[in-house]
C-alpha atoms as a PDB file:
ATOM      1  CA  MET A   1      -7.107  -8.869  39.546  1.00  0.00           C
ATOM      2  CA  ALA A   2      -4.504  -6.289  38.494  1.00  0.00           C
ATOM      3  CA  LEU A   3      -2.784  -8.823  36.207  1.00  0.00           C
ATOM      4  CA  ASP A   4      -6.050  -9.549  34.402  1.00  0.00           C
ATOM      5  CA  LYS A   5      -6.573  -5.846  33.671  1.00  0.00           C
ATOM      6  CA  LYS A   6      -3.040  -5.516  32.287  1.00  0.00           C
ATOM      7  CA  LYS A   7      -3.583  -8.438  29.922  1.00  0.00           C
ATOM      8  CA  ILE A   8      -6.821  -6.936  28.653  1.00  0.00           C
ATOM      9  CA  ILE A   9      -5.373  -3.437  28.273  1.00  0.00           C
ATOM     10  CA  GLY A  10      -2.073  -4.626  26.754  1.00  0.00           C
ATOM     11  CA  LYS A  11      -3.599  -6.333  23.712  1.00  0.00           C
ATOM     12  CA  LYS A  12      -5.938  -4.335  21.516  1.00  0.00           C
ATOM     13  CA  GLU A  13      -7.707  -6.092  18.685  1.00  0.00           C
ATOM     14  CA  PHE A  14      -8.018  -4.341  15.319  1.00  0.00           C
ATOM     15  CA  SER A  15     -11.461  -3.132  14.297  1.00  0.00           C
ATOM     16  CA  PHE A  16     -12.635  -1.120  11.309  1.00  0.00           C
ATOM     17  CA  ARG A  17     -15.923   0.709  11.767  1.00  0.00           C
ATOM     18  CA  GLY A  18     -16.758  -1.642  14.655  1.00  0.00           C
ATOM     19  CA  GLN A  19     -16.011  -4.897  12.803  1.00  0.00           C
ATOM     20  CA  SER A  20     -13.077  -7.250  13.335  1.00  0.00           C
ATOM     21  CA  LEU A  21     -10.725  -8.290  10.543  1.00  0.00           C
ATOM     22  CA  ASP A  22     -12.248 -11.787  10.347  1.00  0.00           C
ATOM     23  CA  GLU A  23     -15.723 -10.313   9.860  1.00  0.00           C
ATOM     24  CA  LEU A  24     -14.398  -7.935   7.197  1.00  0.00           C
ATOM     25  CA  LYS A  25     -12.716 -10.763   5.247  1.00  0.00           C
ATOM     26  CA  LYS A  26     -16.078 -12.537   4.997  1.00  0.00           C
ATOM     27  CA  LEU A  27     -17.658  -9.480   3.352  1.00  0.00           C
ATOM     28  CA  ASP A  28     -17.909  -8.990  -0.409  1.00  0.00           C
ATOM     29  CA  ILE A  29     -16.069  -6.011  -1.919  1.00  0.00           C
ATOM     30  CA  ARG A  30     -19.388  -4.188  -2.438  1.00  0.00           C
ATOM     31  CA  GLU A  31     -20.446  -4.764   1.170  1.00  0.00           C
ATOM     32  CA  PHE A  32     -17.049  -3.565   2.438  1.00  0.00           C
ATOM     33  CA  ALA A  33     -17.359  -0.456   0.241  1.00  0.00           C
ATOM     34  CA  LYS A  34     -20.422   0.608   2.241  1.00  0.00           C
ATOM     35  CA  LEU A  35     -18.173   0.983   5.307  1.00  0.00           C
ATOM     36  CA  LEU A  36     -15.736   3.356   3.545  1.00  0.00           C
ATOM     37  CA  LYS A  37     -15.809   7.127   3.282  1.00  0.00           C
ATOM     38  CA  SER A  38     -17.676   8.574   0.301  1.00  0.00           C
ATOM     39  CA  ASN A  39     -14.829   9.005  -2.190  1.00  0.00           C
ATOM     40  CA  GLU A  40     -13.300   5.588  -1.529  1.00  0.00           C
ATOM     41  CA  LYS A  41     -16.770   3.995  -1.480  1.00  0.00           C
ATOM     42  CA  ARG A  42     -17.533   5.393  -4.921  1.00  0.00           C
ATOM     43  CA  THR A  43     -14.147   4.299  -6.256  1.00  0.00           C
ATOM     44  CA  ALA A  44     -14.410   0.778  -4.806  1.00  0.00           C
ATOM     45  CA  LEU A  45     -17.890   0.296  -6.237  1.00  0.00           C
ATOM     46  CA  ARG A  46     -16.772   1.476  -9.678  1.00  0.00           C
ATOM     47  CA  GLN A  47     -13.600  -0.648  -9.524  1.00  0.00           C
ATOM     48  CA  TYR A  48     -15.392  -3.817  -8.439  1.00  0.00           C
ATOM     49  CA  ASP A  49     -14.488  -5.821 -11.563  1.00  0.00           C
ATOM     50  CA  GLU A  50     -10.902  -4.575 -11.572  1.00  0.00           C
ATOM     51  CA  LEU A  51     -10.455  -5.335  -7.846  1.00  0.00           C
ATOM     52  CA  HIS A  52     -11.979  -8.783  -8.276  1.00  0.00           C
ATOM     53  CA  LYS A  53      -9.615  -9.625 -11.183  1.00  0.00           C
ATOM     54  CA  PHE A  54      -6.653  -8.282  -9.203  1.00  0.00           C
ATOM     55  CA  LEU A  55      -7.467 -10.464  -6.185  1.00  0.00           C
ATOM     56  CA  ILE A  56      -7.814 -13.553  -8.388  1.00  0.00           C
ATOM     57  CA  THR A  57      -4.415 -12.938 -10.017  1.00  0.00           C
ATOM     58  CA  CYS A  58      -2.879 -12.271  -6.578  1.00  0.00           C
ATOM     59  CA  ASN A  59      -4.169 -15.575  -5.232  1.00  0.00           C
ATOM     60  CA  ASN A  60      -2.901 -17.415  -8.327  1.00  0.00           C
ATOM     61  CA  LYS A  61       0.559 -15.868  -7.958  1.00  0.00           C
ATOM     62  CA  LEU A  62       0.666 -16.639  -4.239  1.00  0.00           C
ATOM     63  CA  ALA A  63      -0.196 -20.271  -4.990  1.00  0.00           C
ATOM     64  CA  LYS A  64       2.807 -20.413  -7.376  1.00  0.00           C
ATOM     65  CA  ASN A  65       5.080 -18.569  -4.869  1.00  0.00           C
ATOM     66  CA  LYS A  66       5.596 -15.662  -7.272  1.00  0.00           C
ATOM     67  CA  GLN A  67       5.865 -11.967  -6.465  1.00  0.00           C
ATOM     68  CA  ILE A  68       2.828  -9.772  -6.957  1.00  0.00           C
ATOM     69  CA  LYS A  69       3.774  -6.761  -9.098  1.00  0.00           C
ATOM     70  CA  THR A  70       1.361  -4.066 -10.185  1.00  0.00           C
ATOM     71  CA  HIS A  71       1.161  -0.661 -11.808  1.00  0.00           C
ATOM     72  CA  LEU A  72      -2.356  -0.154 -10.413  1.00  0.00           C
ATOM     73  CA  ARG A  73      -1.667   2.560  -7.837  1.00  0.00           C
ATOM     74  CA  HIS A  74      -5.318   3.659  -7.782  1.00  0.00           C
ATOM     75  CA  LEU A  75      -6.726   0.426  -6.311  1.00  0.00           C
ATOM     76  CA  VAL A  76      -8.409   0.687  -2.903  1.00  0.00           C
ATOM     77  CA  VAL A  77      -7.055  -1.719  -0.263  1.00  0.00           C
ATOM     78  CA  VAL A  78      -9.728  -4.280   0.682  1.00  0.00           C
ATOM     79  CA  PRO A  79      -9.674  -6.841   3.546  1.00  0.00           C
ATOM     80  CA  ASN A  80      -8.734  -9.767   1.278  1.00  0.00           C
ATOM     81  CA  MET A  81      -5.403  -8.053   0.534  1.00  0.00           C
ATOM     82  CA  VAL A  82      -4.342  -7.943   4.197  1.00  0.00           C
ATOM     83  CA  GLY A  83      -1.200  -9.984   4.762  1.00  0.00           C
ATOM     84  CA  MET A  84      -0.018  -9.818   1.153  1.00  0.00           C
ATOM     85  CA  ARG A  85       3.215  -8.241  -0.037  1.00  0.00           C
ATOM     86  CA  ILE A  86       2.500  -6.288  -3.206  1.00  0.00           C
ATOM     87  CA  ASN A  87       5.217  -4.612  -5.271  1.00  0.00           C
ATOM     88  CA  VAL A  88       3.747  -1.285  -6.398  1.00  0.00           C
ATOM     89  CA  TYR A  89       5.365   0.620  -9.267  1.00  0.00           C
ATOM     90  CA  SER A  90       6.589   4.097  -8.299  1.00  0.00           C
ATOM     91  CA  GLY A  91       7.419   5.264 -11.834  1.00  0.00           C
ATOM     92  CA  LYS A  92      10.991   4.066 -11.544  1.00  0.00           C
ATOM     93  CA  ALA A  93      11.020   0.848  -9.526  1.00  0.00           C
ATOM     94  CA  PHE A  94       8.702  -1.612  -7.807  1.00  0.00           C
ATOM     95  CA  ILE A  95       8.492  -0.841  -4.079  1.00  0.00           C
ATOM     96  CA  PRO A  96       7.366  -3.724  -1.825  1.00  0.00           C
ATOM     97  CA  VAL A  97       4.352  -2.868   0.334  1.00  0.00           C
ATOM     98  CA  ASP A  98       3.216  -5.169   3.140  1.00  0.00           C
ATOM     99  CA  ILE A  99      -0.541  -4.736   3.491  1.00  0.00           C
ATOM    100  CA  ILE A 100      -1.609  -4.359   7.137  1.00  0.00           C
ATOM    101  CA  PRO A 101      -5.145  -3.827   8.518  1.00  0.00           C
ATOM    102  CA  GLU A 102      -4.575  -0.100   9.119  1.00  0.00           C
ATOM    103  CA  MET A 103      -4.275   0.402   5.324  1.00  0.00           C
ATOM    104  CA  LEU A 104      -7.903  -0.564   4.637  1.00  0.00           C
ATOM    105  CA  GLY A 105      -9.714   2.035   2.561  1.00  0.00           C
ATOM    106  CA  HIS A 106      -6.501   3.716   1.364  1.00  0.00           C
ATOM    107  CA  ARG A 107      -5.010   3.387  -2.102  1.00  0.00           C
ATOM    108  CA  LEU A 108      -1.943   1.339  -3.010  1.00  0.00           C
ATOM    109  CA  GLY A 109      -0.148   4.377  -4.425  1.00  0.00           C
ATOM    110  CA  GLU A 110      -0.138   6.101  -1.034  1.00  0.00           C
ATOM    111  CA  PHE A 111       2.406   3.582   0.241  1.00  0.00           C
ATOM    112  CA  SER A 112       4.757   3.726  -2.743  1.00  0.00           C
ATOM    113  CA  PRO A 113       6.212   7.263  -2.926  1.00  0.00           C
ATOM    114  CA  THR A 114       7.023   8.568  -6.383  1.00  0.00           C
ATOM    115  CA  ARG A 115       9.390  11.289  -5.245  1.00  0.00           C
ATOM    116  CA  THR A 116      12.533  10.806  -3.209  1.00  0.00           C
ATOM    117  CA  LYS A 117      14.558  13.222  -1.160  1.00  0.00           C
ATOM    118  CA  VAL A 118      17.098  15.135  -3.244  1.00  0.00           C
ATOM    119  CA  LYS A 119      20.683  14.273  -2.364  1.00  0.00           C
ATOM    120  CA  HIS A 120      23.013  16.984  -3.606  1.00  0.00           C
ATOM    121  CA  GLY A 121      26.606  15.940  -4.158  1.00  0.00           C
ATOM    122  CA  SER A 122      29.638  18.045  -4.917  1.00  0.00           C
ATOM    123  CA  ALA A 123      29.584  20.336  -7.948  1.00  0.00           C
ATOM    124  CA  GLY A 124      30.819  18.898 -11.226  1.00  0.00           C
ATOM    125  CA  VAL A 125      33.597  20.229 -13.453  1.00  0.00           C
ATOM    126  CA  GLY A 126      32.604  23.587 -14.941  1.00  0.00           C
ATOM    127  CA  ALA A 127      29.782  24.110 -12.479  1.00  0.00           C
ATOM    128  CA  THR A 128      31.624  26.809 -10.514  1.00  0.00           C
ATOM    129  CA  ARG A 129      33.869  29.689 -11.583  1.00  0.00           C
ATOM    130  CA  SER A 130      36.966  28.172 -10.037  1.00  0.00           C
ATOM    131  CA  SER A 131      36.572  24.936 -11.978  1.00  0.00           C
ATOM    132  CA  ALA A 132      35.724  26.622 -15.301  1.00  0.00           C
ATOM    133  CA  SER A 133      39.366  27.039 -16.259  1.00  0.00           C
ATOM    134  CA  ARG A 134      40.282  23.396 -15.567  1.00  0.00           C
ATOM    135  CA  SER A 135      40.481  20.913 -18.381  1.00  0.00           C
ATOM    136  CA  VAL A 136      37.823  18.263 -18.613  1.00  0.00           C
ATOM    137  CA  LYS A 137      40.428  15.481 -18.868  1.00  0.00           C
END
């Protein structure tokens, strides 16, 4: 009896607004948008054509075993994207993002940071008073 409870408690299935991932993948983008919060719902409904085109190109690239690269940081993550690896442009480089179920309803740009931590090195020649008198050579 105790072992059965541990098995049930140990594995938790993902659900989004009370629906499993399989049920969400069967939904259309417009139907999924109804489950989102207001701002993301509005964005997903307005981006329907753009999201649909993006998913078609993603599926075509996956069929050819090519990488998926995009500059579209504003796209809302929908259930059909789950499991894909999308390279999202950060302004400098493409950062690979593995789409997991917990990302549903967020935007692609949230997972590709545009700013990095500043790493200060040592001061260059002429940057301090003691090095001002040294020659550049």
